[in-house]
């Protein structure tokens, strides 16, 4: 069964939540980079790699949700 079309409010809400999550993840990544540079240790770098992977996943999800939400409903019906 096809998904029902999203209202403008639902689209705006999804985009706001995704972009907020991405900005928060970016802040954590920035802090982790700063922390790893200031006090280098092997543990810091492994945590930094894990956080970087989580950030990359968040960015990819945000881009995917943004593209899906901004696509026109006509393009979805034709596809």
PDB file of N, CA and C in Angstrom:
ATOM      1  N   UNK A   1       0.854  -1.172   0.000  1.00  0.00           N
ATOM      2  CA  UNK A   1       0.000   0.000   0.000  1.00  0.00           C
ATOM      3  C   UNK A   1       0.902   1.238   0.000  1.00  0.00           C
ATOM      4  N   UNK A   2       0.662   2.190  -0.896  1.00  0.00           N
ATOM      5  CA  UNK A   2       1.516   3.385  -0.952  1.00  0.00           C
ATOM      6  C   UNK A   2       1.331   4.267   0.281  1.00  0.00           C
ATOM      7  N   UNK A   3       2.395   4.940   0.638  1.00  0.00           N
ATOM      8  CA  UNK A   3       2.344   5.846   1.791  1.00  0.00           C
ATOM      9  C   UNK A   3       1.471   7.054   1.457  1.00  0.00           C
ATOM     10  N   UNK A   4       0.789   7.559   2.459  1.00  0.00           N
ATOM     11  CA  UNK A   4      -0.048   8.734   2.226  1.00  0.00           C
ATOM     12  C   UNK A   4       0.847   9.963   2.063  1.00  0.00           C
ATOM     13  N   UNK A   5       0.390  10.946   1.300  1.00  0.00           N
ATOM     14  CA  UNK A   5       1.198  12.164   1.105  1.00  0.00           C
ATOM     15  C   UNK A   5       1.375  12.919   2.427  1.00  0.00           C
ATOM     16  N   UNK A   6       2.510  13.531   2.571  1.00  0.00           N
ATOM     17  CA  UNK A   6       2.778  14.303   3.785  1.00  0.00           C
ATOM     18  C   UNK A   6       2.206  15.705   3.658  1.00  0.00           C
ATOM     19  N   UNK A   7       1.697  16.212   4.766  1.00  0.00           N
ATOM     20  CA  UNK A   7       1.235  17.604   4.782  1.00  0.00           C
ATOM     21  C   UNK A   7       2.459  18.519   4.877  1.00  0.00           C
ATOM     22  N   UNK A   8       2.234  19.782   4.631  1.00  0.00           N
ATOM     23  CA  UNK A   8       3.331  20.759   4.726  1.00  0.00           C
ATOM     24  C   UNK A   8       3.924  20.764   6.128  1.00  0.00           C
ATOM     25  N   UNK A   9       3.067  20.664   7.143  1.00  0.00           N
ATOM     26  CA  UNK A   9       3.531  20.641   8.529  1.00  0.00           C
ATOM     27  C   UNK A   9       4.416  19.427   8.774  1.00  0.00           C
ATOM     28  N   UNK A  10       3.999  18.251   8.306  1.00  0.00           N
ATOM     29  CA  UNK A  10       4.789  17.033   8.509  1.00  0.00           C
ATOM     30  C   UNK A  10       6.135  17.118   7.787  1.00  0.00           C
ATOM     31  N   UNK A  11       6.136  17.686   6.587  1.00  0.00           N
ATOM     32  CA  UNK A  11       7.393  17.845   5.854  1.00  0.00           C
ATOM     33  C   UNK A  11       8.329  18.789   6.603  1.00  0.00           C
ATOM     34  N   UNK A  12       7.789  19.908   7.053  1.00  0.00           N
ATOM     35  CA  UNK A  12       8.612  20.880   7.777  1.00  0.00           C
ATOM     36  C   UNK A  12       9.145  20.275   9.071  1.00  0.00           C
ATOM     37  N   UNK A  13       8.301  19.515   9.768  1.00  0.00           N
ATOM     38  CA  UNK A  13       8.716  18.889  11.022  1.00  0.00           C
ATOM     39  C   UNK A  13       9.850  17.898  10.786  1.00  0.00           C
ATOM     40  N   UNK A  14       9.713  17.035   9.775  1.00  0.00           N
ATOM     41  CA  UNK A  14      10.756  16.050   9.487  1.00  0.00           C
ATOM     42  C   UNK A  14      12.071  16.725   9.121  1.00  0.00           C
ATOM     43  N   UNK A  15      11.997  17.755   8.299  1.00  0.00           N
ATOM     44  CA  UNK A  15      13.221  18.467   7.924  1.00  0.00           C
ATOM     45  C   UNK A  15      13.851  19.149   9.134  1.00  0.00           C
ATOM     46  N   UNK A  16      13.036  19.758   9.979  1.00  0.00           N
ATOM     47  CA  UNK A  16      13.559  20.439  11.170  1.00  0.00           C
ATOM     48  C   UNK A  16      14.245  19.449  12.100  1.00  0.00           C
ATOM     49  N   UNK A  17      13.621  18.310  12.328  1.00  0.00           N
ATOM     50  CA  UNK A  17      14.200  17.302  13.215  1.00  0.00           C
ATOM     51  C   UNK A  17      15.504  16.768  12.642  1.00  0.00           C
ATOM     52  N   UNK A  18      15.532  16.445  11.355  1.00  0.00           N
ATOM     53  CA  UNK A  18      16.738  15.888  10.750  1.00  0.00           C
ATOM     54  C   UNK A  18      17.869  16.909  10.757  1.00  0.00           C
ATOM     55  N   UNK A  19      17.581  18.159  10.372  1.00  0.00           N
ATOM     56  CA  UNK A  19      18.649  19.158  10.334  1.00  0.00           C
ATOM     57  C   UNK A  19      19.141  19.492  11.745  1.00  0.00           C
ATOM     58  N   UNK A  20      18.245  19.481  12.721  1.00  0.00           N
ATOM     59  CA  UNK A  20      18.673  19.708  14.106  1.00  0.00           C
ATOM     60  C   UNK A  20      19.584  18.578  14.569  1.00  0.00           C
ATOM     61  N   UNK A  21      19.206  17.343  14.268  1.00  0.00           N
ATOM     62  CA  UNK A  21      20.047  16.199  14.650  1.00  0.00           C
ATOM     63  C   UNK A  21      21.417  16.288  13.985  1.00  0.00           C
ATOM     64  N   UNK A  22      21.448  16.696  12.740  1.00  0.00           N
ATOM     65  CA  UNK A  22      22.729  16.820  12.035  1.00  0.00           C
ATOM     66  C   UNK A  22      23.582  17.920  12.651  1.00  0.00           C
ATOM     67  N   UNK A  23      22.966  19.029  13.026  1.00  0.00           N
ATOM     68  CA  UNK A  23      23.738  20.118  13.647  1.00  0.00           C
ATOM     69  C   UNK A  23      24.277  19.691  15.013  1.00  0.00           C
ATOM     70  N   UNK A  24      23.480  18.960  15.781  1.00  0.00           N
ATOM     71  CA  UNK A  24      23.943  18.470  17.078  1.00  0.00           C
ATOM     72  C   UNK A  24      25.110  17.502  16.887  1.00  0.00           C
ATOM     73  N   UNK A  25      24.967  16.583  15.922  1.00  0.00           N
ATOM     74  CA  UNK A  25      26.058  15.646  15.640  1.00  0.00           C
ATOM     75  C   UNK A  25      27.314  16.394  15.187  1.00  0.00           C
ATOM     76  N   UNK A  26      27.145  17.453  14.417  1.00  0.00           N
ATOM     77  CA  UNK A  26      28.294  18.252  13.976  1.00  0.00           C
ATOM     78  C   UNK A  26      28.985  18.903  15.168  1.00  0.00           C
ATOM     79  N   UNK A  27      28.195  19.357  16.132  1.00  0.00           N
ATOM     80  CA  UNK A  27      28.779  19.936  17.344  1.00  0.00           C
ATOM     81  C   UNK A  27      29.574  18.910  18.140  1.00  0.00           C
ATOM     82  N   UNK A  28      29.014  17.703  18.288  1.00  0.00           N
ATOM     83  CA  UNK A  28      29.737  16.639  18.978  1.00  0.00           C
ATOM     84  C   UNK A  28      31.027  16.280  18.250  1.00  0.00           C
ATOM     85  N   UNK A  29      30.962  16.209  16.920  1.00  0.00           N
ATOM     86  CA  UNK A  29      32.152  15.882  16.141  1.00  0.00           C
ATOM     87  C   UNK A  29      33.209  16.970  16.291  1.00  0.00           C
ATOM     88  N   UNK A  30      32.781  18.229  16.242  1.00  0.00           N
ATOM     89  CA  UNK A  30      33.723  19.336  16.432  1.00  0.00           C
ATOM     90  C   UNK A  30      34.381  19.285  17.803  1.00  0.00           C
ATOM     91  N   UNK A  31      33.602  19.008  18.838  1.00  0.00           N
ATOM     92  CA  UNK A  31      34.161  18.899  20.186  1.00  0.00           C
ATOM     93  C   UNK A  31      35.114  17.721  20.284  1.00  0.00           C
ATOM     94  N   UNK A  32      34.760  16.589  19.655  1.00  0.00           N
ATOM     95  CA  UNK A  32      35.625  15.412  19.700  1.00  0.00           C
ATOM     96  C   UNK A  32      36.949  15.675  18.988  1.00  0.00           C
ATOM     97  N   UNK A  33      36.895  16.370  17.867  1.00  0.00           N
ATOM     98  CA  UNK A  33      38.134  16.713  17.154  1.00  0.00           C
ATOM     99  C   UNK A  33      38.994  17.617  18.012  1.00  0.00           C
ATOM    100  N   UNK A  34      38.384  18.631  18.604  1.00  0.00           N
ATOM    101  CA  UNK A  34      39.131  19.532  19.478  1.00  0.00           C
ATOM    102  C   UNK A  34      39.747  18.762  20.646  1.00  0.00           C
ATOM    103  N   UNK A  35      38.967  17.877  21.252  1.00  0.00           N
ATOM    104  CA  UNK A  35      39.449  17.095  22.387  1.00  0.00           C
ATOM    105  C   UNK A  35      40.597  16.172  21.986  1.00  0.00           C
ATOM    106  N   UNK A  36      40.486  15.559  20.818  1.00  0.00           N
ATOM    107  CA  UNK A  36      41.538  14.644  20.363  1.00  0.00           C
ATOM    108  C   UNK A  36      42.825  15.395  20.032  1.00  0.00           C
ATOM    109  N   UNK A  37      42.701  16.606  19.547  1.00  0.00           N
ATOM    110  CA  UNK A  37      43.888  17.394  19.212  1.00  0.00           C
ATOM    111  C   UNK A  37      44.567  17.912  20.477  1.00  0.00           C
ATOM    112  N   UNK A  38      43.765  18.341  21.443  1.00  0.00           N
ATOM    113  CA  UNK A  38      44.318  18.919  22.674  1.00  0.00           C
ATOM    114  C   UNK A  38      44.976  17.849  23.547  1.00  0.00           C
ATOM    115  N   UNK A  39      44.342  16.699  23.671  1.00  0.00           N
ATOM    116  CA  UNK A  39      44.880  15.623  24.507  1.00  0.00           C
ATOM    117  C   UNK A  39      44.929  14.319  23.705  1.00  0.00           C
ATOM    118  N   UNK A  40      45.917  14.183  22.842  1.00  0.00           N
ATOM    119  CA  UNK A  40      45.951  13.005  21.970  1.00  0.00           C
ATOM    120  C   UNK A  40      46.214  11.703  22.733  1.00  0.00           C
ATOM    121  N   UNK A  41      45.431  10.687  22.391  1.00  0.00           N
ATOM    122  CA  UNK A  41      45.670   9.331  22.868  1.00  0.00           C
ATOM    123  C   UNK A  41      44.987   8.397  21.875  1.00  0.00           C
ATOM    124  N   UNK A  42      45.375   7.140  21.885  1.00  0.00           N
ATOM    125  CA  UNK A  42      44.804   6.206  20.912  1.00  0.00           C
ATOM    126  C   UNK A  42      43.302   6.034  21.132  1.00  0.00           C
ATOM    127  N   UNK A  43      42.871   6.103  22.378  1.00  0.00           N
ATOM    128  CA  UNK A  43      41.447   5.951  22.681  1.00  0.00           C
ATOM    129  C   UNK A  43      40.636   7.111  22.104  1.00  0.00           C
ATOM    130  N   UNK A  44      41.182   8.328  22.187  1.00  0.00           N
ATOM    131  CA  UNK A  44      40.494   9.489  21.642  1.00  0.00           C
ATOM    132  C   UNK A  44      40.283   9.354  20.136  1.00  0.00           C
ATOM    133  N   UNK A  45      41.282   8.847  19.430  1.00  0.00           N
ATOM    134  CA  UNK A  45      41.167   8.742  17.982  1.00  0.00           C
ATOM    135  C   UNK A  45      40.169   7.677  17.568  1.00  0.00           C
ATOM    136  N   UNK A  46      40.085   6.575  18.322  1.00  0.00           N
ATOM    137  CA  UNK A  46      39.094   5.549  17.980  1.00  0.00           C
ATOM    138  C   UNK A  46      37.678   6.072  18.243  1.00  0.00           C
ATOM    139  N   UNK A  47      37.505   6.822  19.323  1.00  0.00           N
ATOM    140  CA  UNK A  47      36.196   7.425  19.598  1.00  0.00           C
ATOM    141  C   UNK A  47      35.859   8.453  18.529  1.00  0.00           C
ATOM    142  N   UNK A  48      36.883   9.169  18.069  1.00  0.00           N
ATOM    143  CA  UNK A  48      36.676  10.157  17.022  1.00  0.00           C
ATOM    144  C   UNK A  48      36.218   9.484  15.721  1.00  0.00           C
ATOM    145  N   UNK A  49      36.817   8.353  15.391  1.00  0.00           N
ATOM    146  CA  UNK A  49      36.408   7.616  14.193  1.00  0.00           C
ATOM    147  C   UNK A  49      34.958   7.127  14.312  1.00  0.00           C
ATOM    148  N   UNK A  50      34.585   6.620  15.473  1.00  0.00           N
ATOM    149  CA  UNK A  50      33.198   6.184  15.683  1.00  0.00           C
ATOM    150  C   UNK A  50      32.227   7.355  15.553  1.00  0.00           C
ATOM    151  N   UNK A  51      32.573   8.467  16.158  1.00  0.00           N
ATOM    152  CA  UNK A  51      31.716   9.646  16.083  1.00  0.00           C
ATOM    153  C   UNK A  51      31.641  10.171  14.656  1.00  0.00           C
ATOM    154  N   UNK A  52      32.756  10.125  13.935  1.00  0.00           N
ATOM    155  CA  UNK A  52      32.765  10.547  12.533  1.00  0.00           C
ATOM    156  C   UNK A  52      31.859   9.673  11.680  1.00  0.00           C
ATOM    157  N   UNK A  53      31.852   8.385  11.936  1.00  0.00           N
ATOM    158  CA  UNK A  53      30.971   7.474  11.198  1.00  0.00           C
ATOM    159  C   UNK A  53      29.499   7.774  11.512  1.00  0.00           C
ATOM    160  N   UNK A  54      29.208   8.044  12.772  1.00  0.00           N
ATOM    161  CA  UNK A  54      27.837   8.417  13.147  1.00  0.00           C
ATOM    162  C   UNK A  54      27.413   9.721  12.509  1.00  0.00           C
ATOM    163  N   UNK A  55      28.334  10.681  12.464  1.00  0.00           N
ATOM    164  CA  UNK A  55      28.045  11.961  11.823  1.00  0.00           C
ATOM    165  C   UNK A  55      27.779  11.778  10.334  1.00  0.00           C
ATOM    166  N   UNK A  56      28.598  10.972   9.666  1.00  0.00           N
ATOM    167  CA  UNK A  56      28.417  10.724   8.234  1.00  0.00           C
ATOM    168  C   UNK A  56      27.055  10.062   7.978  1.00  0.00           C
ATOM    169  N   UNK A  57      26.670   9.126   8.840  1.00  0.00           N
ATOM    170  CA  UNK A  57      25.359   8.495   8.711  1.00  0.00           C
ATOM    171  C   UNK A  57      24.234   9.499   8.893  1.00  0.00           C
ATOM    172  N   UNK A  58      24.390  10.403   9.861  1.00  0.00           N
ATOM    173  CA  UNK A  58      23.385  11.430  10.097  1.00  0.00           C
ATOM    174  C   UNK A  58      23.260  12.365   8.900  1.00  0.00           C
ATOM    175  N   UNK A  59      24.392  12.741   8.322  1.00  0.00           N
ATOM    176  CA  UNK A  59      24.368  13.621   7.147  1.00  0.00           C
ATOM    177  C   UNK A  59      23.690  12.925   5.972  1.00  0.00           C
ATOM    178  N   UNK A  60      24.035  11.665   5.731  1.00  0.00           N
ATOM    179  CA  UNK A  60      23.411  10.929   4.627  1.00  0.00           C
ATOM    180  C   UNK A  60      21.904  10.800   4.832  1.00  0.00           C
ATOM    181  N   UNK A  61      21.484  10.506   6.045  1.00  0.00           N
ATOM    182  CA  UNK A  61      20.056  10.400   6.340  1.00  0.00           C
ATOM    183  C   UNK A  61      19.370  11.749   6.152  1.00  0.00           C
ATOM    184  N   UNK A  62      20.008  12.820   6.593  1.00  0.00           N
ATOM    185  CA  UNK A  62      19.436  14.154   6.440  1.00  0.00           C
ATOM    186  C   UNK A  62      19.270  14.512   4.966  1.00  0.00           C
ATOM    187  N   UNK A  63      20.293  14.238   4.168  1.00  0.00           N
ATOM    188  CA  UNK A  63      20.209  14.530   2.738  1.00  0.00           C
ATOM    189  C   UNK A  63      19.105  13.688   2.091  1.00  0.00           C
ATOM    190  N   UNK A  64      19.029  12.418   2.455  1.00  0.00           N
ATOM    191  CA  UNK A  64      17.991  11.550   1.907  1.00  0.00           C
ATOM    192  C   UNK A  64      16.591  12.009   2.260  1.00  0.00           C
ATOM    193  N   UNK A  65      16.380  12.359   3.530  1.00  0.00           N
ATOM    194  CA  UNK A  65      15.065  12.839   3.962  1.00  0.00           C
ATOM    195  C   UNK A  65      14.728  14.158   3.276  1.00  0.00           C
ATOM    196  N   UNK A  66      15.714  15.052   3.161  1.00  0.00           N
ATOM    197  CA  UNK A  66      15.482  16.336   2.512  1.00  0.00           C
ATOM    198  C   UNK A  66      15.065  16.140   1.061  1.00  0.00           C
ATOM    199  N   UNK A  67      15.769  15.280   0.345  1.00  0.00           N
ATOM    200  CA  UNK A  67      15.426  15.020  -1.056  1.00  0.00           C
ATOM    201  C   UNK A  67      14.043  14.392  -1.161  1.00  0.00           C
ATOM    202  N   UNK A  68      13.746  13.435  -0.303  1.00  0.00           N
ATOM    203  CA  UNK A  68      12.445  12.762  -0.350  1.00  0.00           C
ATOM    204  C   UNK A  68      11.305  13.726  -0.049  1.00  0.00           C
ATOM    205  N   UNK A  69      11.501  14.606   0.910  1.00  0.00           N
ATOM    206  CA  UNK A  69      10.443  15.532   1.299  1.00  0.00           C
ATOM    207  C   UNK A  69      10.251  16.627   0.255  1.00  0.00           C
ATOM    208  N   UNK A  70      11.335  17.069  -0.353  1.00  0.00           N
ATOM    209  CA  UNK A  70      11.238  18.179  -1.294  1.00  0.00           C
ATOM    210  C   UNK A  70      10.841  17.755  -2.710  1.00  0.00           C
ATOM    211  N   UNK A  71      10.881  16.460  -2.998  1.00  0.00           N
ATOM    212  CA  UNK A  71      10.428  16.002  -4.315  1.00  0.00           C
ATOM    213  C   UNK A  71       8.967  16.347  -4.493  1.00  0.00           C
ATOM    214  N   UNK A  72       8.601  16.696  -5.694  1.00  0.00           N
ATOM    215  CA  UNK A  72       7.208  17.078  -5.925  1.00  0.00           C
ATOM    216  C   UNK A  72       6.311  15.840  -5.889  1.00  0.00           C
ATOM    217  N   UNK A  73       5.087  16.010  -5.425  1.00  0.00           N
ATOM    218  CA  UNK A  73       4.158  14.869  -5.393  1.00  0.00           C
ATOM    219  C   UNK A  73       3.887  14.314  -6.790  1.00  0.00           C
ATOM    220  N   UNK A  74       3.919  15.168  -7.825  1.00  0.00           N
ATOM    221  CA  UNK A  74       3.697  14.701  -9.193  1.00  0.00           C
ATOM    222  C   UNK A  74       4.796  13.748  -9.636  1.00  0.00           C
ATOM    223  N   UNK A  75       6.024  14.044  -9.250  1.00  0.00           N
ATOM    224  CA  UNK A  75       7.147  13.175  -9.624  1.00  0.00           C
ATOM    225  C   UNK A  75       7.000  11.815  -8.964  1.00  0.00           C
ATOM    226  N   UNK A  76       6.482  11.780  -7.747  1.00  0.00           N
ATOM    227  CA  UNK A  76       6.271  10.510  -7.051  1.00  0.00           C
ATOM    228  C   UNK A  76       5.175   9.689  -7.729  1.00  0.00           C
ATOM    229  N   UNK A  77       4.118  10.351  -8.195  1.00  0.00           N
ATOM    230  CA  UNK A  77       3.025   9.635  -8.853  1.00  0.00           C
ATOM    231  C   UNK A  77       3.451   9.094 -10.202  1.00  0.00           C
ATOM    232  N   UNK A  78       4.294   9.839 -10.923  1.00  0.00           N
ATOM    233  CA  UNK A  78       4.756   9.394 -12.239  1.00  0.00           C
ATOM    234  C   UNK A  78       5.716   8.233 -12.132  1.00  0.00           C
ATOM    235  N   UNK A  79       6.579   8.277 -11.067  1.00  0.00           N
ATOM    236  CA  UNK A  79       7.658   7.315 -10.915  1.00  0.00           C
ATOM    237  C   UNK A  79       7.202   5.949 -10.716  1.00  0.00           C
TER     238      UNK A  79
END
